[in-house]
């Protein structure tokens, strides 16, 4: 089966948000994104792609903030 869409990865390191990451800010933003994506239509491809991108980005930023707080990584 041929797809009309070209492949685009969910995560692109060249477009990743840059730190430093503040844990309190990242937690607040993550909660907001979770609230915003909770009501999206699971049967809507665009909604789900947007949610996946937003949540992936939030998780990466939240993890970076935790690592920064602990003095790890980056």
PDB file of N, CA and C in Angstrom:
ATOM      1  N   UNK A   1       0.838  -1.167   0.000  1.00  0.00           N
ATOM      2  CA  UNK A   1       0.000   0.000   0.000  1.00  0.00           C
ATOM      3  C   UNK A   1       0.890   1.240   0.000  1.00  0.00           C
ATOM      4  N   UNK A   2       0.661   2.113  -0.924  1.00  0.00           N
ATOM      5  CA  UNK A   2       1.455   3.323  -1.068  1.00  0.00           C
ATOM      6  C   UNK A   2       0.824   4.464  -0.283  1.00  0.00           C
ATOM      7  N   UNK A   3       1.662   5.230   0.394  1.00  0.00           N
ATOM      8  CA  UNK A   3       1.179   6.369   1.162  1.00  0.00           C
ATOM      9  C   UNK A   3       1.397   7.660   0.371  1.00  0.00           C
ATOM     10  N   UNK A   4       0.453   8.580   0.482  1.00  0.00           N
ATOM     11  CA  UNK A   4       0.604   9.863  -0.193  1.00  0.00           C
ATOM     12  C   UNK A   4       1.403  10.844   0.657  1.00  0.00           C
ATOM     13  N   UNK A   5       1.678  10.473   1.900  1.00  0.00           N
ATOM     14  CA  UNK A   5       2.440  11.331   2.802  1.00  0.00           C
ATOM     15  C   UNK A   5       3.905  10.903   2.816  1.00  0.00           C
ATOM     16  N   UNK A   6       4.783  11.886   2.812  1.00  0.00           N
ATOM     17  CA  UNK A   6       6.185  11.538   2.953  1.00  0.00           C
ATOM     18  C   UNK A   6       6.476  11.320   4.432  1.00  0.00           C
ATOM     19  N   UNK A   7       7.543  10.636   4.701  1.00  0.00           N
ATOM     20  CA  UNK A   7       7.912  10.328   6.075  1.00  0.00           C
ATOM     21  C   UNK A   7       8.484  11.557   6.755  1.00  0.00           C
ATOM     22  N   UNK A   8       8.025  11.838   7.958  1.00  0.00           N
ATOM     23  CA  UNK A   8       8.570  12.906   8.788  1.00  0.00           C
ATOM     24  C   UNK A   8       8.616  12.380  10.225  1.00  0.00           C
ATOM     25  N   UNK A   9       9.790  12.353  10.832  1.00  0.00           N
ATOM     26  CA  UNK A   9       9.886  11.821  12.190  1.00  0.00           C
ATOM     27  C   UNK A   9       9.191  12.747  13.191  1.00  0.00           C
ATOM     28  N   UNK A  10       8.713  12.168  14.274  1.00  0.00           N
ATOM     29  CA  UNK A  10       8.081  12.939  15.330  1.00  0.00           C
ATOM     30  C   UNK A  10       9.091  13.869  15.994  1.00  0.00           C
ATOM     31  N   UNK A  11      10.316  13.384  16.146  1.00  0.00           N
ATOM     32  CA  UNK A  11      11.358  14.151  16.821  1.00  0.00           C
ATOM     33  C   UNK A  11      12.476  14.480  15.850  1.00  0.00           C
ATOM     34  N   UNK A  12      12.848  15.742  15.792  1.00  0.00           N
ATOM     35  CA  UNK A  12      13.960  16.191  14.969  1.00  0.00           C
ATOM     36  C   UNK A  12      14.938  16.931  15.874  1.00  0.00           C
ATOM     37  N   UNK A  13      16.110  16.352  16.143  1.00  0.00           N
ATOM     38  CA  UNK A  13      17.060  16.986  17.058  1.00  0.00           C
ATOM     39  C   UNK A  13      17.451  18.403  16.646  1.00  0.00           C
ATOM     40  N   UNK A  14      17.406  18.696  15.349  1.00  0.00           N
ATOM     41  CA  UNK A  14      17.757  20.039  14.877  1.00  0.00           C
ATOM     42  C   UNK A  14      16.695  21.081  15.232  1.00  0.00           C
ATOM     43  N   UNK A  15      15.495  20.624  15.563  1.00  0.00           N
ATOM     44  CA  UNK A  15      14.414  21.536  15.924  1.00  0.00           C
ATOM     45  C   UNK A  15      14.038  21.418  17.398  1.00  0.00           C
ATOM     46  N   UNK A  16      14.888  20.764  18.168  1.00  0.00           N
ATOM     47  CA  UNK A  16      14.601  20.565  19.590  1.00  0.00           C
ATOM     48  C   UNK A  16      14.699  21.879  20.352  1.00  0.00           C
ATOM     49  N   UNK A  17      13.827  22.061  21.336  1.00  0.00           N
ATOM     50  CA  UNK A  17      13.917  23.266  22.165  1.00  0.00           C
ATOM     51  C   UNK A  17      15.249  23.303  22.910  1.00  0.00           C
ATOM     52  N   UNK A  18      15.738  24.510  23.116  1.00  0.00           N
ATOM     53  CA  UNK A  18      17.002  24.659  23.822  1.00  0.00           C
ATOM     54  C   UNK A  18      16.745  25.041  25.270  1.00  0.00           C
ATOM     55  N   UNK A  19      17.642  24.605  26.162  1.00  0.00           N
ATOM     56  CA  UNK A  19      17.542  24.907  27.588  1.00  0.00           C
ATOM     57  C   UNK A  19      18.247  26.198  27.904  1.00  0.00           C
ATOM     58  N   UNK A  20      18.414  26.565  29.138  1.00  0.00           N
ATOM     59  CA  UNK A  20      18.159  25.717  30.311  1.00  0.00           C
ATOM     60  C   UNK A  20      16.662  25.579  30.582  1.00  0.00           C
ATOM     61  N   UNK A  21      16.324  24.508  31.265  1.00  0.00           N
ATOM     62  CA  UNK A  21      14.943  24.189  31.550  1.00  0.00           C
ATOM     63  C   UNK A  21      14.688  24.334  33.046  1.00  0.00           C
ATOM     64  N   UNK A  22      13.660  25.099  33.392  1.00  0.00           N
ATOM     65  CA  UNK A  22      13.273  25.277  34.777  1.00  0.00           C
ATOM     66  C   UNK A  22      12.185  24.261  35.099  1.00  0.00           C
ATOM     67  N   UNK A  23      12.407  23.438  36.114  1.00  0.00           N
ATOM     68  CA  UNK A  23      11.491  22.344  36.414  1.00  0.00           C
ATOM     69  C   UNK A  23      10.081  22.845  36.720  1.00  0.00           C
ATOM     70  N   UNK A  24       9.942  23.887  37.531  1.00  0.00           N
ATOM     71  CA  UNK A  24       8.605  24.387  37.869  1.00  0.00           C
ATOM     72  C   UNK A  24       7.856  24.879  36.630  1.00  0.00           C
ATOM     73  N   UNK A  25       8.564  25.564  35.744  1.00  0.00           N
ATOM     74  CA  UNK A  25       7.934  26.050  34.506  1.00  0.00           C
ATOM     75  C   UNK A  25       7.540  24.874  33.624  1.00  0.00           C
ATOM     76  N   UNK A  26       8.438  23.914  33.492  1.00  0.00           N
ATOM     77  CA  UNK A  26       8.150  22.759  32.627  1.00  0.00           C
ATOM     78  C   UNK A  26       6.969  21.940  33.154  1.00  0.00           C
ATOM     79  N   UNK A  27       6.851  21.803  34.467  1.00  0.00           N
ATOM     80  CA  UNK A  27       5.708  21.085  35.041  1.00  0.00           C
ATOM     81  C   UNK A  27       4.416  21.833  34.726  1.00  0.00           C
ATOM     82  N   UNK A  28       4.414  23.146  34.895  1.00  0.00           N
ATOM     83  CA  UNK A  28       3.214  23.940  34.610  1.00  0.00           C
ATOM     84  C   UNK A  28       2.820  23.848  33.143  1.00  0.00           C
ATOM     85  N   UNK A  29       3.795  23.955  32.246  1.00  0.00           N
ATOM     86  CA  UNK A  29       3.499  23.888  30.809  1.00  0.00           C
ATOM     87  C   UNK A  29       3.027  22.484  30.435  1.00  0.00           C
ATOM     88  N   UNK A  30       3.626  21.466  31.013  1.00  0.00           N
ATOM     89  CA  UNK A  30       3.211  20.089  30.740  1.00  0.00           C
ATOM     90  C   UNK A  30       1.772  19.858  31.185  1.00  0.00           C
ATOM     91  N   UNK A  31       1.412  20.356  32.342  1.00  0.00           N
ATOM     92  CA  UNK A  31       0.015  20.231  32.807  1.00  0.00           C
ATOM     93  C   UNK A  31      -0.949  20.923  31.842  1.00  0.00           C
ATOM     94  N   UNK A  32      -0.558  22.104  31.376  1.00  0.00           N
ATOM     95  CA  UNK A  32      -1.410  22.843  30.442  1.00  0.00           C
ATOM     96  C   UNK A  32      -1.596  22.054  29.145  1.00  0.00           C
ATOM     97  N   UNK A  33      -0.507  21.503  28.611  1.00  0.00           N
ATOM     98  CA  UNK A  33      -0.603  20.729  27.367  1.00  0.00           C
ATOM     99  C   UNK A  33      -1.437  19.470  27.572  1.00  0.00           C
ATOM    100  N   UNK A  34      -1.292  18.817  28.704  1.00  0.00           N
ATOM    101  CA  UNK A  34      -2.126  17.643  28.992  1.00  0.00           C
ATOM    102  C   UNK A  34      -3.606  18.025  29.011  1.00  0.00           C
ATOM    103  N   UNK A  35      -3.932  19.153  29.633  1.00  0.00           N
ATOM    104  CA  UNK A  35      -5.322  19.624  29.652  1.00  0.00           C
ATOM    105  C   UNK A  35      -5.815  19.934  28.244  1.00  0.00           C
ATOM    106  N   UNK A  36      -4.969  20.576  27.443  1.00  0.00           N
ATOM    107  CA  UNK A  36      -5.362  20.952  26.083  1.00  0.00           C
ATOM    108  C   UNK A  36      -5.565  19.741  25.173  1.00  0.00           C
ATOM    109  N   UNK A  37      -4.773  18.705  25.361  1.00  0.00           N
ATOM    110  CA  UNK A  37      -4.866  17.540  24.471  1.00  0.00           C
ATOM    111  C   UNK A  37      -5.874  16.500  24.951  1.00  0.00           C
ATOM    112  N   UNK A  38      -6.307  16.595  26.195  1.00  0.00           N
ATOM    113  CA  UNK A  38      -7.216  15.586  26.766  1.00  0.00           C
ATOM    114  C   UNK A  38      -8.537  15.487  26.011  1.00  0.00           C
ATOM    115  N   UNK A  39      -9.043  16.596  25.528  1.00  0.00           N
ATOM    116  CA  UNK A  39     -10.343  16.588  24.868  1.00  0.00           C
ATOM    117  C   UNK A  39     -10.299  16.422  23.365  1.00  0.00           C
ATOM    118  N   UNK A  40      -9.131  16.192  22.814  1.00  0.00           N
ATOM    119  CA  UNK A  40      -9.027  16.048  21.358  1.00  0.00           C
ATOM    120  C   UNK A  40      -9.692  14.762  20.879  1.00  0.00           C
ATOM    121  N   UNK A  41     -10.126  14.785  19.644  1.00  0.00           N
ATOM    122  CA  UNK A  41     -10.807  13.654  19.025  1.00  0.00           C
ATOM    123  C   UNK A  41      -9.792  12.578  18.628  1.00  0.00           C
ATOM    124  N   UNK A  42      -9.871  11.440  19.263  1.00  0.00           N
ATOM    125  CA  UNK A  42      -8.929  10.350  18.989  1.00  0.00           C
ATOM    126  C   UNK A  42      -9.060   9.831  17.552  1.00  0.00           C
ATOM    127  N   UNK A  43     -10.170  10.097  16.903  1.00  0.00           N
ATOM    128  CA  UNK A  43     -10.384   9.630  15.526  1.00  0.00           C
ATOM    129  C   UNK A  43      -9.978  10.670  14.477  1.00  0.00           C
ATOM    130  N   UNK A  44      -9.480  11.807  14.935  1.00  0.00           N
ATOM    131  CA  UNK A  44      -9.042  12.857  14.023  1.00  0.00           C
ATOM    132  C   UNK A  44      -7.524  12.788  13.877  1.00  0.00           C
ATOM    133  N   UNK A  45      -7.064  12.439  12.686  1.00  0.00           N
ATOM    134  CA  UNK A  45      -5.624  12.263  12.453  1.00  0.00           C
ATOM    135  C   UNK A  45      -4.827  13.523  12.782  1.00  0.00           C
ATOM    136  N   UNK A  46      -5.339  14.672  12.405  1.00  0.00           N
ATOM    137  CA  UNK A  46      -4.621  15.933  12.651  1.00  0.00           C
ATOM    138  C   UNK A  46      -4.538  16.198  14.154  1.00  0.00           C
ATOM    139  N   UNK A  47      -5.641  16.019  14.860  1.00  0.00           N
ATOM    140  CA  UNK A  47      -5.625  16.183  16.322  1.00  0.00           C
ATOM    141  C   UNK A  47      -4.589  15.271  16.966  1.00  0.00           C
ATOM    142  N   UNK A  48      -4.548  14.029  16.522  1.00  0.00           N
ATOM    143  CA  UNK A  48      -3.627  13.070  17.141  1.00  0.00           C
ATOM    144  C   UNK A  48      -2.178  13.366  16.781  1.00  0.00           C
ATOM    145  N   UNK A  49      -1.919  13.833  15.565  1.00  0.00           N
ATOM    146  CA  UNK A  49      -0.555  14.221  15.205  1.00  0.00           C
ATOM    147  C   UNK A  49      -0.109  15.430  16.023  1.00  0.00           C
ATOM    148  N   UNK A  50      -0.988  16.406  16.179  1.00  0.00           N
ATOM    149  CA  UNK A  50      -0.662  17.575  16.986  1.00  0.00           C
ATOM    150  C   UNK A  50      -0.432  17.197  18.445  1.00  0.00           C
ATOM    151  N   UNK A  51      -1.267  16.323  18.973  1.00  0.00           N
ATOM    152  CA  UNK A  51      -1.108  15.873  20.357  1.00  0.00           C
ATOM    153  C   UNK A  51       0.208  15.121  20.525  1.00  0.00           C
ATOM    154  N   UNK A  52       0.507  14.236  19.595  1.00  0.00           N
ATOM    155  CA  UNK A  52       1.750  13.463  19.684  1.00  0.00           C
ATOM    156  C   UNK A  52       2.965  14.382  19.671  1.00  0.00           C
ATOM    157  N   UNK A  53       2.965  15.362  18.794  1.00  0.00           N
ATOM    158  CA  UNK A  53       4.086  16.297  18.725  1.00  0.00           C
ATOM    159  C   UNK A  53       4.190  17.112  20.009  1.00  0.00           C
ATOM    160  N   UNK A  54       3.073  17.661  20.457  1.00  0.00           N
ATOM    161  CA  UNK A  54       3.074  18.480  21.676  1.00  0.00           C
ATOM    162  C   UNK A  54       3.525  17.683  22.893  1.00  0.00           C
ATOM    163  N   UNK A  55       2.997  16.485  23.042  1.00  0.00           N
ATOM    164  CA  UNK A  55       3.345  15.663  24.207  1.00  0.00           C
ATOM    165  C   UNK A  55       4.784  15.160  24.136  1.00  0.00           C
ATOM    166  N   UNK A  56       5.256  14.832  22.947  1.00  0.00           N
ATOM    167  CA  UNK A  56       6.656  14.422  22.799  1.00  0.00           C
ATOM    168  C   UNK A  56       7.587  15.561  23.214  1.00  0.00           C
ATOM    169  N   UNK A  57       7.291  16.752  22.728  1.00  0.00           N
ATOM    170  CA  UNK A  57       8.109  17.919  23.059  1.00  0.00           C
ATOM    171  C   UNK A  57       8.078  18.195  24.553  1.00  0.00           C
ATOM    172  N   UNK A  58       6.902  18.125  25.148  1.00  0.00           N
ATOM    173  CA  UNK A  58       6.759  18.374  26.587  1.00  0.00           C
ATOM    174  C   UNK A  58       7.539  17.357  27.402  1.00  0.00           C
ATOM    175  N   UNK A  59       7.451  16.090  27.034  1.00  0.00           N
ATOM    176  CA  UNK A  59       8.189  15.049  27.768  1.00  0.00           C
ATOM    177  C   UNK A  59       9.693  15.267  27.670  1.00  0.00           C
ATOM    178  N   UNK A  60      10.159  15.636  26.499  1.00  0.00           N
ATOM    179  CA  UNK A  60      11.591  15.886  26.336  1.00  0.00           C
ATOM    180  C   UNK A  60      12.047  17.085  27.165  1.00  0.00           C
ATOM    181  N   UNK A  61      11.241  18.140  27.180  1.00  0.00           N
ATOM    182  CA  UNK A  61      11.592  19.327  27.982  1.00  0.00           C
ATOM    183  C   UNK A  61      11.511  19.025  29.475  1.00  0.00           C
ATOM    184  N   UNK A  62      10.499  18.288  29.871  1.00  0.00           N
ATOM    185  CA  UNK A  62      10.354  17.922  31.276  1.00  0.00           C
ATOM    186  C   UNK A  62      11.524  17.056  31.731  1.00  0.00           C
ATOM    187  N   UNK A  63      11.902  16.098  30.917  1.00  0.00           N
ATOM    188  CA  UNK A  63      13.048  15.251  31.245  1.00  0.00           C
ATOM    189  C   UNK A  63      14.326  16.069  31.332  1.00  0.00           C
ATOM    190  N   UNK A  64      14.516  17.003  30.405  1.00  0.00           N
ATOM    191  CA  UNK A  64      15.696  17.870  30.444  1.00  0.00           C
ATOM    192  C   UNK A  64      15.713  18.711  31.719  1.00  0.00           C
ATOM    193  N   UNK A  65      14.546  19.196  32.144  1.00  0.00           N
ATOM    194  CA  UNK A  65      14.463  19.992  33.372  1.00  0.00           C
ATOM    195  C   UNK A  65      14.806  19.149  34.594  1.00  0.00           C
ATOM    196  N   UNK A  66      14.333  17.920  34.617  1.00  0.00           N
ATOM    197  CA  UNK A  66      14.653  17.015  35.730  1.00  0.00           C
ATOM    198  C   UNK A  66      16.150  16.734  35.758  1.00  0.00           C
ATOM    199  N   UNK A  67      16.718  16.455  34.590  1.00  0.00           N
ATOM    200  CA  UNK A  67      18.164  16.192  34.526  1.00  0.00           C
ATOM    201  C   UNK A  67      18.972  17.412  34.943  1.00  0.00           C
ATOM    202  N   UNK A  68      18.525  18.601  34.533  1.00  0.00           N
ATOM    203  CA  UNK A  68      19.209  19.832  34.925  1.00  0.00           C
ATOM    204  C   UNK A  68      19.140  20.026  36.435  1.00  0.00           C
ATOM    205  N   UNK A  69      17.957  19.792  36.986  1.00  0.00           N
ATOM    206  CA  UNK A  69      17.740  19.925  38.432  1.00  0.00           C
ATOM    207  C   UNK A  69      18.666  18.981  39.206  1.00  0.00           C
ATOM    208  N   UNK A  70      18.881  17.788  38.658  1.00  0.00           N
ATOM    209  CA  UNK A  70      19.731  16.797  39.305  1.00  0.00           C
ATOM    210  C   UNK A  70      21.220  16.990  38.993  1.00  0.00           C
ATOM    211  N   UNK A  71      21.518  17.899  38.073  1.00  0.00           N
ATOM    212  CA  UNK A  71      22.912  18.108  37.676  1.00  0.00           C
ATOM    213  C   UNK A  71      23.420  17.049  36.719  1.00  0.00           C
ATOM    214  N   UNK A  72      22.495  16.433  35.981  1.00  0.00           N
ATOM    215  CA  UNK A  72      22.821  15.365  35.029  1.00  0.00           C
ATOM    216  C   UNK A  72      22.757  15.880  33.599  1.00  0.00           C
ATOM    217  N   UNK A  73      23.241  15.068  32.710  1.00  0.00           N
ATOM    218  CA  UNK A  73      23.050  15.271  31.278  1.00  0.00           C
ATOM    219  C   UNK A  73      23.466  16.640  30.766  1.00  0.00           C
ATOM    220  N   UNK A  74      22.969  16.933  29.604  1.00  0.00           N
ATOM    221  CA  UNK A  74      23.185  18.143  28.833  1.00  0.00           C
ATOM    222  C   UNK A  74      24.413  18.826  29.315  1.00  0.00           C
TER     223      UNK A  74
END
